[in-house]
Amino acid sequence: MAFYNDVILPWGINLACGGKPIAKQRTKIVPRAQGVVLEVGIGSGLNLPFYDTAKVTKVWGLEPSAQMRRMAEGIAGEVDLEVEFLDLPGEEIPLDDGSVDTVLVTYTLCTIPDAAQALAQMRRVLKPGAELLFCEHGRAPDEGVRRWQNRIDPIWSKFSGGCHLNRPIDDLITAAGFRIGDMDTMYIPGPRTHCFNYWGAAVAA
């Protein structure tokens, strides 16, 4: 199982999260980042090409997977950005209070074991009035789809690095003390149980 989690799974996640529908979602949110950015769950670096380098001064990339960081380092070497990696999970952010201008989290809140704690940490490191930018998949609005999400989730999460299909992303964000300023939702192409997306921006309430 360790070989699967450490070697096979990172490549599988990179492939699944690198498709065109998800890349299109990234174009809607990543270019809004500015200043010093903390990307929580930078993964294999799939967001890096979408940053507006004229607006971003530095990216802190938080990622606990060594294999994922190695993959991201390759992409970081190809973009005109200062990127520094942090080898810690989302619940442990080793940055000072009020030290970042933007927190970016994409397709990560589904996986973090303690999403509430991670969001509390994101809120802590944001400067007053600064934005949390998010693009995530999660709980669908349709009852029939939600039933299937709940059925599939216990098995799916075991083989997908802890990814959960049914987390209520907007509720998690607001429960952590954020106010969502704008948010869009839709099913992107793919299985409806896996593909209901939320994206937008929030600030500390």
N, C-alpha and C. Protein backbone atom coordinates (compact mmCIF):
# COMPACT_ATOMS: atom_id res chain seq x y z
N MET A 1 0.83 -1.21 0.00
CA MET A 1 0.00 0.00 0.00
C MET A 1 0.86 1.25 0.00
N ALA A 2 2.02 1.18 0.67
CA ALA A 2 2.90 2.35 0.70
C ALA A 2 3.40 2.68 -0.71
N PHE A 3 3.75 1.65 -1.48
CA PHE A 3 4.20 1.88 -2.86
C PHE A 3 3.09 2.52 -3.69
N TYR A 4 1.87 2.04 -3.50
CA TYR A 4 0.72 2.62 -4.21
C TYR A 4 0.55 4.09 -3.85
N ASN A 5 0.55 4.40 -2.54
CA ASN A 5 0.33 5.78 -2.08
C ASN A 5 1.47 6.71 -2.46
N ASP A 6 2.70 6.20 -2.42
CA ASP A 6 3.87 7.06 -2.62
C ASP A 6 4.27 7.22 -4.07
N VAL A 7 3.97 6.21 -4.90
CA VAL A 7 4.46 6.23 -6.28
C VAL A 7 3.33 6.25 -7.31
N ILE A 8 2.41 5.29 -7.20
CA ILE A 8 1.37 5.17 -8.22
C ILE A 8 0.32 6.27 -8.09
N LEU A 9 -0.16 6.50 -6.86
CA LEU A 9 -1.25 7.45 -6.64
C LEU A 9 -0.90 8.87 -7.11
N PRO A 10 0.29 9.41 -6.82
CA PRO A 10 0.60 10.76 -7.30
C PRO A 10 0.47 10.92 -8.81
N TRP A 11 0.90 9.91 -9.56
CA TRP A 11 0.78 9.99 -11.02
C TRP A 11 -0.68 9.88 -11.44
N GLY A 12 -1.45 9.07 -10.73
CA GLY A 12 -2.87 8.97 -11.04
C GLY A 12 -3.61 10.27 -10.78
N ILE A 13 -3.28 10.92 -9.66
CA ILE A 13 -3.91 12.21 -9.34
C ILE A 13 -3.51 13.26 -10.36
N ASN A 14 -2.25 13.27 -10.74
CA ASN A 14 -1.78 14.23 -11.74
C ASN A 14 -2.55 14.06 -13.06
N LEU A 15 -2.75 12.81 -13.45
CA LEU A 15 -3.47 12.54 -14.69
C LEU A 15 -4.93 12.96 -14.58
N ALA A 16 -5.58 12.59 -13.46
CA ALA A 16 -6.99 12.91 -13.29
C ALA A 16 -7.24 14.41 -13.19
N CYS A 17 -6.32 15.12 -12.55
CA CYS A 17 -6.49 16.57 -12.33
C CYS A 17 -5.89 17.41 -13.44
N GLY A 18 -5.33 16.76 -14.45
CA GLY A 18 -4.69 17.49 -15.53
C GLY A 18 -5.50 17.56 -16.80
N GLY A 19 -6.74 17.06 -16.76
CA GLY A 19 -7.58 17.06 -17.96
C GLY A 19 -8.09 18.44 -18.33
N LYS A 20 -8.65 18.54 -19.51
CA LYS A 20 -9.10 19.84 -20.04
C LYS A 20 -10.21 20.48 -19.22
N PRO A 21 -11.24 19.73 -18.75
CA PRO A 21 -12.28 20.41 -17.97
C PRO A 21 -11.74 21.05 -16.70
N ILE A 22 -10.83 20.37 -16.01
CA ILE A 22 -10.27 20.93 -14.79
C ILE A 22 -9.31 22.07 -15.11
N ALA A 23 -8.56 21.94 -16.20
CA ALA A 23 -7.68 23.04 -16.62
C ALA A 23 -8.49 24.30 -16.89
N LYS A 24 -9.66 24.13 -17.50
CA LYS A 24 -10.52 25.30 -17.76
C LYS A 24 -10.97 25.93 -16.45
N GLN A 25 -11.26 25.10 -15.45
CA GLN A 25 -11.64 25.64 -14.14
C GLN A 25 -10.48 26.43 -13.52
N ARG A 26 -9.27 25.94 -13.70
CA ARG A 26 -8.11 26.64 -13.15
C ARG A 26 -7.98 28.04 -13.76
N THR A 27 -8.31 28.17 -15.04
CA THR A 27 -8.18 29.50 -15.70
C THR A 27 -9.15 30.51 -15.12
N LYS A 28 -10.21 30.03 -14.47
CA LYS A 28 -11.21 30.94 -13.90
C LYS A 28 -10.79 31.53 -12.57
N ILE A 29 -9.86 30.85 -11.86
CA ILE A 29 -9.58 31.27 -10.48
C ILE A 29 -8.12 31.60 -10.23
N VAL A 30 -7.18 30.83 -10.78
CA VAL A 30 -5.76 31.02 -10.46
C VAL A 30 -5.26 32.41 -10.86
N PRO A 31 -5.63 32.96 -12.03
CA PRO A 31 -5.11 34.28 -12.41
C PRO A 31 -5.56 35.41 -11.48
N ARG A 32 -6.51 35.16 -10.59
CA ARG A 32 -6.94 36.19 -9.65
C ARG A 32 -5.98 36.36 -8.47
N ALA A 33 -5.08 35.42 -8.30
CA ALA A 33 -4.13 35.49 -7.18
C ALA A 33 -3.18 36.66 -7.38
N GLN A 34 -2.75 37.25 -6.25
CA GLN A 34 -1.82 38.38 -6.31
C GLN A 34 -0.94 38.44 -5.08
N GLY A 35 0.19 39.14 -5.24
CA GLY A 35 1.11 39.33 -4.12
C GLY A 35 1.79 38.04 -3.72
N VAL A 36 1.98 37.90 -2.42
CA VAL A 36 2.54 36.66 -1.86
C VAL A 36 1.40 35.66 -1.72
N VAL A 37 1.54 34.53 -2.38
CA VAL A 37 0.47 33.54 -2.46
C VAL A 37 0.87 32.29 -1.69
N LEU A 38 -0.06 31.76 -0.92
CA LEU A 38 0.09 30.44 -0.33
C LEU A 38 -0.85 29.51 -1.09
N GLU A 39 -0.28 28.52 -1.78
CA GLU A 39 -1.10 27.51 -2.42
C GLU A 39 -1.09 26.27 -1.55
N VAL A 40 -2.24 25.95 -1.00
CA VAL A 40 -2.38 24.80 -0.10
C VAL A 40 -2.71 23.57 -0.94
N GLY A 41 -1.84 22.57 -0.89
CA GLY A 41 -2.02 21.40 -1.74
C GLY A 41 -1.60 21.69 -3.16
N ILE A 42 -0.38 22.17 -3.33
CA ILE A 42 0.10 22.53 -4.67
C ILE A 42 0.22 21.30 -5.56
N GLY A 43 0.27 20.12 -4.95
CA GLY A 43 0.27 18.89 -5.73
C GLY A 43 1.43 18.83 -6.70
N SER A 44 1.12 18.46 -7.94
CA SER A 44 2.15 18.32 -8.97
C SER A 44 2.41 19.62 -9.71
N GLY A 45 1.86 20.73 -9.22
CA GLY A 45 2.16 22.04 -9.80
C GLY A 45 1.29 22.43 -10.97
N LEU A 46 0.12 21.81 -11.11
CA LEU A 46 -0.71 22.07 -12.27
C LEU A 46 -1.24 23.50 -12.35
N ASN A 47 -1.29 24.21 -11.20
CA ASN A 47 -1.75 25.60 -11.24
C ASN A 47 -0.66 26.58 -11.69
N LEU A 48 0.59 26.20 -11.58
CA LEU A 48 1.68 27.16 -11.77
C LEU A 48 1.63 27.88 -13.12
N PRO A 49 1.32 27.22 -14.23
CA PRO A 49 1.29 27.95 -15.50
C PRO A 49 0.17 28.98 -15.61
N PHE A 50 -0.80 28.94 -14.70
CA PHE A 50 -1.96 29.82 -14.80
C PHE A 50 -1.85 31.09 -13.96
N TYR A 51 -0.80 31.21 -13.16
CA TYR A 51 -0.62 32.44 -12.38
C TYR A 51 -0.30 33.61 -13.30
N ASP A 52 -0.80 34.78 -12.94
CA ASP A 52 -0.43 36.03 -13.63
C ASP A 52 0.88 36.52 -13.02
N THR A 53 1.98 36.32 -13.70
CA THR A 53 3.29 36.64 -13.13
C THR A 53 3.50 38.13 -12.92
N ALA A 54 2.66 38.96 -13.55
CA ALA A 54 2.76 40.41 -13.33
C ALA A 54 2.15 40.80 -11.99
N LYS A 55 1.34 39.93 -11.40
CA LYS A 55 0.64 40.25 -10.15
C LYS A 55 1.19 39.50 -8.95
N VAL A 56 1.88 38.39 -9.18
CA VAL A 56 2.32 37.52 -8.09
C VAL A 56 3.81 37.70 -7.83
N THR A 57 4.18 37.92 -6.57
CA THR A 57 5.59 38.12 -6.22
C THR A 57 6.26 36.85 -5.74
N LYS A 58 5.47 35.94 -5.13
CA LYS A 58 6.03 34.69 -4.64
C LYS A 58 4.90 33.70 -4.39
N VAL A 59 5.20 32.43 -4.59
CA VAL A 59 4.25 31.35 -4.27
C VAL A 59 4.88 30.43 -3.25
N TRP A 60 4.21 30.29 -2.11
CA TRP A 60 4.55 29.24 -1.16
C TRP A 60 3.70 28.03 -1.54
N GLY A 61 4.32 26.90 -1.81
CA GLY A 61 3.59 25.70 -2.19
C GLY A 61 3.60 24.66 -1.10
N LEU A 62 2.48 24.49 -0.43
CA LEU A 62 2.38 23.54 0.68
C LEU A 62 1.96 22.18 0.13
N GLU A 63 2.77 21.15 0.37
CA GLU A 63 2.48 19.83 -0.18
C GLU A 63 3.21 18.76 0.62
N PRO A 64 2.47 17.83 1.26
CA PRO A 64 3.11 16.81 2.08
C PRO A 64 3.69 15.64 1.29
N SER A 65 3.28 15.45 0.05
CA SER A 65 3.76 14.31 -0.74
C SER A 65 5.09 14.63 -1.41
N ALA A 66 6.12 13.84 -1.10
CA ALA A 66 7.44 14.07 -1.70
C ALA A 66 7.41 13.89 -3.21
N GLN A 67 6.68 12.89 -3.69
CA GLN A 67 6.60 12.65 -5.13
C GLN A 67 5.90 13.81 -5.83
N MET A 68 4.83 14.30 -5.23
CA MET A 68 4.12 15.44 -5.81
C MET A 68 5.02 16.67 -5.86
N ARG A 69 5.78 16.91 -4.80
CA ARG A 69 6.68 18.07 -4.80
C ARG A 69 7.73 17.96 -5.90
N ARG A 70 8.25 16.75 -6.09
CA ARG A 70 9.24 16.57 -7.16
C ARG A 70 8.63 16.90 -8.53
N MET A 71 7.40 16.49 -8.74
CA MET A 71 6.72 16.79 -10.00
C MET A 71 6.50 18.30 -10.13
N ALA A 72 6.09 18.94 -9.04
CA ALA A 72 5.85 20.39 -9.07
C ALA A 72 7.13 21.17 -9.29
N GLU A 73 8.23 20.68 -8.73
CA GLU A 73 9.50 21.38 -8.91
C GLU A 73 9.90 21.44 -10.39
N GLY A 74 9.56 20.41 -11.15
CA GLY A 74 9.84 20.43 -12.57
C GLY A 74 9.08 21.52 -13.29
N ILE A 75 7.80 21.69 -12.94
CA ILE A 75 7.01 22.76 -13.56
C ILE A 75 7.47 24.12 -13.06
N ALA A 76 7.82 24.21 -11.78
CA ALA A 76 8.28 25.49 -11.22
C ALA A 76 9.50 26.01 -11.95
N GLY A 77 10.35 25.10 -12.43
CA GLY A 77 11.54 25.50 -13.15
C GLY A 77 11.26 26.06 -14.53
N GLU A 78 10.00 25.91 -14.99
CA GLU A 78 9.64 26.36 -16.33
C GLU A 78 8.82 27.64 -16.34
N VAL A 79 8.47 28.17 -15.17
CA VAL A 79 7.65 29.37 -15.11
C VAL A 79 8.42 30.50 -14.44
N ASP A 80 8.04 31.72 -14.75
CA ASP A 80 8.73 32.90 -14.22
C ASP A 80 8.11 33.32 -12.89
N LEU A 81 8.29 32.45 -11.90
CA LEU A 81 7.75 32.69 -10.57
C LEU A 81 8.76 32.24 -9.53
N GLU A 82 8.79 32.93 -8.40
CA GLU A 82 9.54 32.44 -7.26
C GLU A 82 8.64 31.48 -6.50
N VAL A 83 9.01 30.22 -6.44
CA VAL A 83 8.21 29.19 -5.78
C VAL A 83 9.06 28.52 -4.70
N GLU A 84 8.53 28.49 -3.49
CA GLU A 84 9.20 27.80 -2.39
C GLU A 84 8.25 26.77 -1.81
N PHE A 85 8.73 25.53 -1.67
CA PHE A 85 7.88 24.44 -1.24
C PHE A 85 7.97 24.21 0.26
N LEU A 86 6.84 23.83 0.84
CA LEU A 86 6.73 23.55 2.27
C LEU A 86 6.25 22.11 2.42
N ASP A 87 7.02 21.32 3.13
CA ASP A 87 6.75 19.89 3.30
C ASP A 87 5.88 19.66 4.53
N LEU A 88 4.62 20.12 4.44
CA LEU A 88 3.70 19.95 5.56
C LEU A 88 2.28 19.81 5.03
N PRO A 89 1.38 19.20 5.81
CA PRO A 89 -0.02 19.13 5.40
C PRO A 89 -0.74 20.45 5.62
N GLY A 90 -1.96 20.53 5.10
CA GLY A 90 -2.72 21.78 5.18
C GLY A 90 -3.07 22.21 6.59
N GLU A 91 -3.11 21.25 7.52
CA GLU A 91 -3.44 21.61 8.90
C GLU A 91 -2.28 22.29 9.62
N GLU A 92 -1.09 22.27 9.01
CA GLU A 92 0.11 22.83 9.63
C GLU A 92 0.78 23.79 8.66
N ILE A 93 0.48 25.06 8.77
CA ILE A 93 1.04 26.06 7.87
C ILE A 93 2.09 26.86 8.63
N PRO A 94 3.37 26.71 8.27
CA PRO A 94 4.45 27.33 9.05
C PRO A 94 4.76 28.77 8.63
N LEU A 95 3.71 29.57 8.47
CA LEU A 95 3.88 30.97 8.10
C LEU A 95 3.29 31.86 9.19
N ASP A 96 3.75 33.09 9.25
CA ASP A 96 3.30 34.01 10.29
C ASP A 96 1.85 34.44 10.06
N ASP A 97 1.21 34.87 11.13
CA ASP A 97 -0.13 35.44 11.04
C ASP A 97 -0.11 36.63 10.08
N GLY A 98 -1.13 36.74 9.24
CA GLY A 98 -1.28 37.89 8.36
C GLY A 98 -0.11 38.13 7.44
N SER A 99 0.46 37.05 6.90
CA SER A 99 1.69 37.20 6.10
C SER A 99 1.51 36.97 4.61
N VAL A 100 0.31 36.57 4.16
CA VAL A 100 0.13 36.33 2.74
C VAL A 100 -1.04 37.15 2.19
N ASP A 101 -0.93 37.47 0.90
CA ASP A 101 -1.92 38.31 0.23
C ASP A 101 -3.06 37.49 -0.38
N THR A 102 -2.79 36.23 -0.70
CA THR A 102 -3.79 35.34 -1.29
C THR A 102 -3.52 33.92 -0.82
N VAL A 103 -4.58 33.22 -0.46
CA VAL A 103 -4.49 31.77 -0.30
C VAL A 103 -5.26 31.14 -1.45
N LEU A 104 -4.64 30.19 -2.12
CA LEU A 104 -5.28 29.47 -3.22
C LEU A 104 -5.40 28.00 -2.84
N VAL A 105 -6.59 27.46 -3.02
CA VAL A 105 -6.80 26.03 -2.75
C VAL A 105 -7.67 25.48 -3.87
N THR A 106 -7.14 24.49 -4.60
CA THR A 106 -7.87 23.90 -5.71
C THR A 106 -7.82 22.37 -5.61
N TYR A 107 -9.00 21.76 -5.62
CA TYR A 107 -9.13 20.30 -5.59
C TYR A 107 -8.28 19.68 -4.47
N THR A 108 -8.40 20.31 -3.30
CA THR A 108 -7.61 19.93 -2.14
C THR A 108 -8.46 19.75 -0.89
N LEU A 109 -9.48 20.59 -0.71
CA LEU A 109 -10.31 20.48 0.49
C LEU A 109 -11.03 19.14 0.56
N CYS A 110 -11.17 18.48 -0.56
CA CYS A 110 -11.80 17.16 -0.57
C CYS A 110 -10.93 16.12 0.11
N THR A 111 -9.62 16.38 0.20
CA THR A 111 -8.65 15.37 0.62
C THR A 111 -8.08 15.61 2.02
N ILE A 112 -7.95 16.87 2.43
CA ILE A 112 -7.35 17.18 3.73
C ILE A 112 -8.14 16.50 4.85
N PRO A 113 -7.51 15.70 5.69
CA PRO A 113 -8.26 14.99 6.73
C PRO A 113 -9.08 15.91 7.64
N ASP A 114 -8.47 17.00 8.09
CA ASP A 114 -9.18 17.95 8.95
C ASP A 114 -9.32 19.27 8.19
N ALA A 115 -10.31 19.32 7.31
CA ALA A 115 -10.48 20.51 6.47
C ALA A 115 -10.77 21.75 7.30
N ALA A 116 -11.50 21.60 8.41
CA ALA A 116 -11.83 22.75 9.25
C ALA A 116 -10.56 23.36 9.85
N GLN A 117 -9.66 22.52 10.34
CA GLN A 117 -8.40 23.01 10.89
C GLN A 117 -7.56 23.68 9.82
N ALA A 118 -7.52 23.08 8.63
CA ALA A 118 -6.75 23.66 7.54
C ALA A 118 -7.28 25.03 7.16
N LEU A 119 -8.59 25.17 7.08
CA LEU A 119 -9.19 26.46 6.74
C LEU A 119 -8.93 27.49 7.83
N ALA A 120 -8.92 27.08 9.08
CA ALA A 120 -8.59 27.99 10.18
C ALA A 120 -7.15 28.50 10.02
N GLN A 121 -6.25 27.61 9.61
CA GLN A 121 -4.87 28.02 9.38
C GLN A 121 -4.76 28.98 8.18
N MET A 122 -5.52 28.72 7.15
CA MET A 122 -5.51 29.62 6.00
C MET A 122 -6.00 31.02 6.40
N ARG A 123 -7.04 31.05 7.21
CA ARG A 123 -7.57 32.34 7.69
C ARG A 123 -6.53 33.07 8.53
N ARG A 124 -5.79 32.32 9.33
CA ARG A 124 -4.78 32.91 10.20
C ARG A 124 -3.68 33.61 9.41
N VAL A 125 -3.22 33.00 8.34
CA VAL A 125 -2.06 33.55 7.63
C VAL A 125 -2.43 34.64 6.62
N LEU A 126 -3.71 34.79 6.32
CA LEU A 126 -4.13 35.84 5.39
C LEU A 126 -4.06 37.22 6.03
N LYS A 127 -3.64 38.20 5.24
CA LYS A 127 -3.69 39.59 5.69
C LYS A 127 -5.14 40.03 5.81
N PRO A 128 -5.44 41.02 6.64
CA PRO A 128 -6.82 41.51 6.75
C PRO A 128 -7.37 41.93 5.39
N GLY A 129 -8.54 41.44 5.05
CA GLY A 129 -9.17 41.78 3.79
C GLY A 129 -8.68 40.99 2.60
N ALA A 130 -7.65 40.15 2.79
CA ALA A 130 -7.11 39.37 1.68
C ALA A 130 -8.02 38.18 1.37
N GLU A 131 -7.87 37.64 0.15
CA GLU A 131 -8.82 36.64 -0.33
C GLU A 131 -8.31 35.20 -0.24
N LEU A 132 -9.24 34.33 0.09
CA LEU A 132 -9.10 32.90 -0.12
C LEU A 132 -9.76 32.60 -1.46
N LEU A 133 -8.99 32.12 -2.42
CA LEU A 133 -9.52 31.72 -3.72
C LEU A 133 -9.65 30.20 -3.73
N PHE A 134 -10.77 29.70 -4.19
CA PHE A 134 -11.01 28.26 -4.13
C PHE A 134 -11.65 27.76 -5.41
N CYS A 135 -11.31 26.53 -5.76
CA CYS A 135 -11.97 25.80 -6.83
C CYS A 135 -11.93 24.33 -6.42
N GLU A 136 -13.08 23.76 -6.13
CA GLU A 136 -13.15 22.44 -5.51
C GLU A 136 -14.33 21.65 -6.10
N HIS A 137 -14.26 20.34 -5.94
CA HIS A 137 -15.43 19.52 -6.22
C HIS A 137 -16.01 19.06 -4.89
N GLY A 138 -17.31 18.77 -4.89
CA GLY A 138 -17.91 18.36 -3.62
C GLY A 138 -19.36 17.98 -3.75
N ARG A 139 -20.08 18.15 -2.65
CA ARG A 139 -21.47 17.70 -2.56
C ARG A 139 -22.33 18.33 -3.65
N ALA A 140 -23.05 17.49 -4.35
CA ALA A 140 -23.90 17.94 -5.44
C ALA A 140 -25.25 18.44 -4.92
N PRO A 141 -25.93 19.29 -5.70
CA PRO A 141 -27.23 19.81 -5.26
C PRO A 141 -28.38 18.85 -5.50
N ASP A 142 -28.18 17.87 -6.36
CA ASP A 142 -29.27 16.96 -6.73
C ASP A 142 -29.30 15.76 -5.79
N GLU A 143 -30.47 15.48 -5.26
CA GLU A 143 -30.59 14.44 -4.24
C GLU A 143 -30.12 13.08 -4.74
N GLY A 144 -30.48 12.75 -5.97
CA GLY A 144 -30.07 11.46 -6.51
C GLY A 144 -28.57 11.33 -6.63
N VAL A 145 -27.90 12.40 -7.05
CA VAL A 145 -26.44 12.38 -7.16
C VAL A 145 -25.82 12.29 -5.77
N ARG A 146 -26.37 13.03 -4.81
CA ARG A 146 -25.84 12.99 -3.44
C ARG A 146 -25.93 11.59 -2.86
N ARG A 147 -27.04 10.88 -3.14
CA ARG A 147 -27.16 9.52 -2.62
C ARG A 147 -26.03 8.64 -3.14
N TRP A 148 -25.73 8.77 -4.42
CA TRP A 148 -24.64 7.98 -4.98
C TRP A 148 -23.29 8.42 -4.44
N GLN A 149 -23.11 9.72 -4.24
CA GLN A 149 -21.86 10.20 -3.63
C GLN A 149 -21.66 9.55 -2.27
N ASN A 150 -22.72 9.51 -1.47
CA ASN A 150 -22.61 8.93 -0.13
C ASN A 150 -22.33 7.43 -0.18
N ARG A 151 -22.89 6.75 -1.17
CA ARG A 151 -22.65 5.32 -1.31
C ARG A 151 -21.22 5.02 -1.73
N ILE A 152 -20.73 5.78 -2.67
CA ILE A 152 -19.42 5.53 -3.26
C ILE A 152 -18.29 5.99 -2.36
N ASP A 153 -18.52 7.06 -1.62
CA ASP A 153 -17.44 7.76 -0.92
C ASP A 153 -16.56 6.87 -0.03
N PRO A 154 -17.13 5.98 0.80
CA PRO A 154 -16.26 5.20 1.69
C PRO A 154 -15.24 4.35 0.94
N ILE A 155 -15.63 3.82 -0.21
CA ILE A 155 -14.69 3.01 -1.01
C ILE A 155 -13.76 3.92 -1.80
N TRP A 156 -14.33 4.94 -2.44
CA TRP A 156 -13.54 5.85 -3.26
C TRP A 156 -12.41 6.48 -2.47
N SER A 157 -12.69 6.92 -1.26
CA SER A 157 -11.69 7.64 -0.48
C SER A 157 -10.49 6.77 -0.13
N LYS A 158 -10.70 5.46 -0.04
CA LYS A 158 -9.61 4.55 0.33
C LYS A 158 -8.57 4.42 -0.78
N PHE A 159 -9.00 4.60 -2.02
CA PHE A 159 -8.11 4.37 -3.16
C PHE A 159 -7.75 5.67 -3.89
N SER A 160 -8.15 6.81 -3.34
CA SER A 160 -7.92 8.09 -4.03
C SER A 160 -7.15 9.08 -3.17
N GLY A 161 -6.39 8.56 -2.22
CA GLY A 161 -5.61 9.45 -1.37
C GLY A 161 -6.43 10.21 -0.35
N GLY A 162 -7.60 9.67 0.00
CA GLY A 162 -8.45 10.33 0.99
C GLY A 162 -9.41 11.34 0.40
N CYS A 163 -9.55 11.38 -0.91
CA CYS A 163 -10.49 12.30 -1.56
C CYS A 163 -11.92 11.91 -1.21
N HIS A 164 -12.71 12.91 -0.80
CA HIS A 164 -14.12 12.70 -0.48
C HIS A 164 -14.99 13.39 -1.53
N LEU A 165 -16.02 12.70 -1.96
CA LEU A 165 -16.90 13.21 -3.02
C LEU A 165 -17.99 14.14 -2.51
N ASN A 166 -18.28 14.09 -1.22
CA ASN A 166 -19.53 14.69 -0.71
C ASN A 166 -19.31 15.80 0.31
N ARG A 167 -18.17 16.43 0.30
CA ARG A 167 -17.97 17.52 1.25
C ARG A 167 -18.68 18.79 0.78
N PRO A 168 -19.39 19.47 1.69
CA PRO A 168 -20.10 20.71 1.35
C PRO A 168 -19.12 21.88 1.38
N ILE A 169 -18.50 22.17 0.29
CA ILE A 169 -17.38 23.12 0.25
C ILE A 169 -17.77 24.49 0.78
N ASP A 170 -18.92 25.02 0.35
CA ASP A 170 -19.32 26.36 0.80
C ASP A 170 -19.56 26.38 2.31
N ASP A 171 -20.18 25.34 2.83
CA ASP A 171 -20.42 25.28 4.27
C ASP A 171 -19.12 25.19 5.06
N LEU A 172 -18.17 24.42 4.56
CA LEU A 172 -16.88 24.31 5.25
C LEU A 172 -16.19 25.67 5.32
N ILE A 173 -16.24 26.41 4.23
CA ILE A 173 -15.56 27.71 4.17
C ILE A 173 -16.21 28.71 5.12
N THR A 174 -17.52 28.78 5.10
CA THR A 174 -18.20 29.75 5.97
C THR A 174 -18.09 29.36 7.44
N ALA A 175 -18.10 28.05 7.73
CA ALA A 175 -17.97 27.59 9.11
C ALA A 175 -16.60 27.93 9.69
N ALA A 176 -15.61 28.14 8.83
CA ALA A 176 -14.26 28.47 9.28
C ALA A 176 -14.07 29.97 9.49
N GLY A 177 -15.15 30.74 9.35
CA GLY A 177 -15.06 32.17 9.62
C GLY A 177 -14.84 33.03 8.40
N PHE A 178 -15.09 32.49 7.22
CA PHE A 178 -14.98 33.27 5.98
C PHE A 178 -16.35 33.72 5.51
N ARG A 179 -16.34 34.81 4.77
CA ARG A 179 -17.55 35.28 4.07
C ARG A 179 -17.30 35.13 2.58
N ILE A 180 -18.12 34.35 1.92
CA ILE A 180 -17.95 34.14 0.48
C ILE A 180 -18.48 35.36 -0.26
N GLY A 181 -17.60 36.02 -1.02
CA GLY A 181 -17.99 37.20 -1.76
C GLY A 181 -18.60 36.87 -3.10
N ASP A 182 -18.05 35.89 -3.78
CA ASP A 182 -18.63 35.43 -5.04
C ASP A 182 -18.34 33.95 -5.18
N MET A 183 -19.30 33.23 -5.75
CA MET A 183 -19.12 31.80 -5.95
C MET A 183 -20.01 31.34 -7.10
N ASP A 184 -19.45 30.50 -7.94
CA ASP A 184 -20.20 29.85 -9.00
C ASP A 184 -20.14 28.34 -8.79
N THR A 185 -21.12 27.65 -9.33
CA THR A 185 -21.16 26.20 -9.23
C THR A 185 -21.65 25.62 -10.55
N MET A 186 -21.21 24.41 -10.85
CA MET A 186 -21.71 23.70 -12.02
C MET A 186 -21.14 22.28 -12.03
N TYR A 187 -21.77 21.42 -12.80
CA TYR A 187 -21.19 20.13 -13.12
C TYR A 187 -20.24 20.34 -14.30
N ILE A 188 -19.00 19.94 -14.14
CA ILE A 188 -18.09 19.95 -15.27
C ILE A 188 -18.17 18.58 -15.94
N PRO A 189 -17.66 18.42 -17.16
CA PRO A 189 -17.75 17.12 -17.84
C PRO A 189 -17.12 16.00 -17.02
N GLY A 190 -17.82 14.88 -16.97
CA GLY A 190 -17.34 13.72 -16.21
C GLY A 190 -18.46 13.14 -15.38
N PRO A 191 -18.18 12.11 -14.58
CA PRO A 191 -19.22 11.51 -13.73
C PRO A 191 -19.79 12.56 -12.77
N ARG A 192 -21.11 12.64 -12.71
CA ARG A 192 -21.73 13.69 -11.90
C ARG A 192 -21.40 13.53 -10.42
N THR A 193 -21.15 12.32 -9.96
CA THR A 193 -20.78 12.11 -8.56
C THR A 193 -19.44 12.74 -8.22
N HIS A 194 -18.59 12.93 -9.22
CA HIS A 194 -17.24 13.42 -9.00
C HIS A 194 -17.04 14.87 -9.47
N CYS A 195 -17.99 15.44 -10.16
CA CYS A 195 -17.71 16.62 -10.98
C CYS A 195 -18.55 17.84 -10.68
N PHE A 196 -19.19 17.89 -9.48
CA PHE A 196 -19.87 19.14 -9.14
C PHE A 196 -18.83 20.08 -8.55
N ASN A 197 -18.62 21.23 -9.21
CA ASN A 197 -17.57 22.17 -8.83
C ASN A 197 -18.11 23.44 -8.18
N TYR A 198 -17.34 23.93 -7.22
CA TYR A 198 -17.57 25.23 -6.58
C TYR A 198 -16.31 26.06 -6.84
N TRP A 199 -16.46 27.32 -7.22
CA TRP A 199 -15.26 28.18 -7.31
C TRP A 199 -15.64 29.63 -7.03
N GLY A 200 -14.69 30.34 -6.41
CA GLY A 200 -14.95 31.73 -6.08
C GLY A 200 -13.93 32.28 -5.10
N ALA A 201 -14.33 33.27 -4.32
CA ALA A 201 -13.43 33.96 -3.40
C ALA A 201 -14.14 34.24 -2.09
N ALA A 202 -13.38 34.24 -1.02
CA ALA A 202 -13.92 34.52 0.31
C ALA A 202 -12.90 35.35 1.10
N VAL A 203 -13.40 36.12 2.06
CA VAL A 203 -12.55 36.87 2.97
C VAL A 203 -12.95 36.54 4.40
N ALA A 204 -12.09 36.81 5.34
CA ALA A 204 -12.41 36.56 6.75
C ALA A 204 -13.59 37.42 7.16
N ALA A 205 -14.57 36.79 7.77
CA ALA A 205 -15.79 37.50 8.17
C ALA A 205 -15.52 38.41 9.37
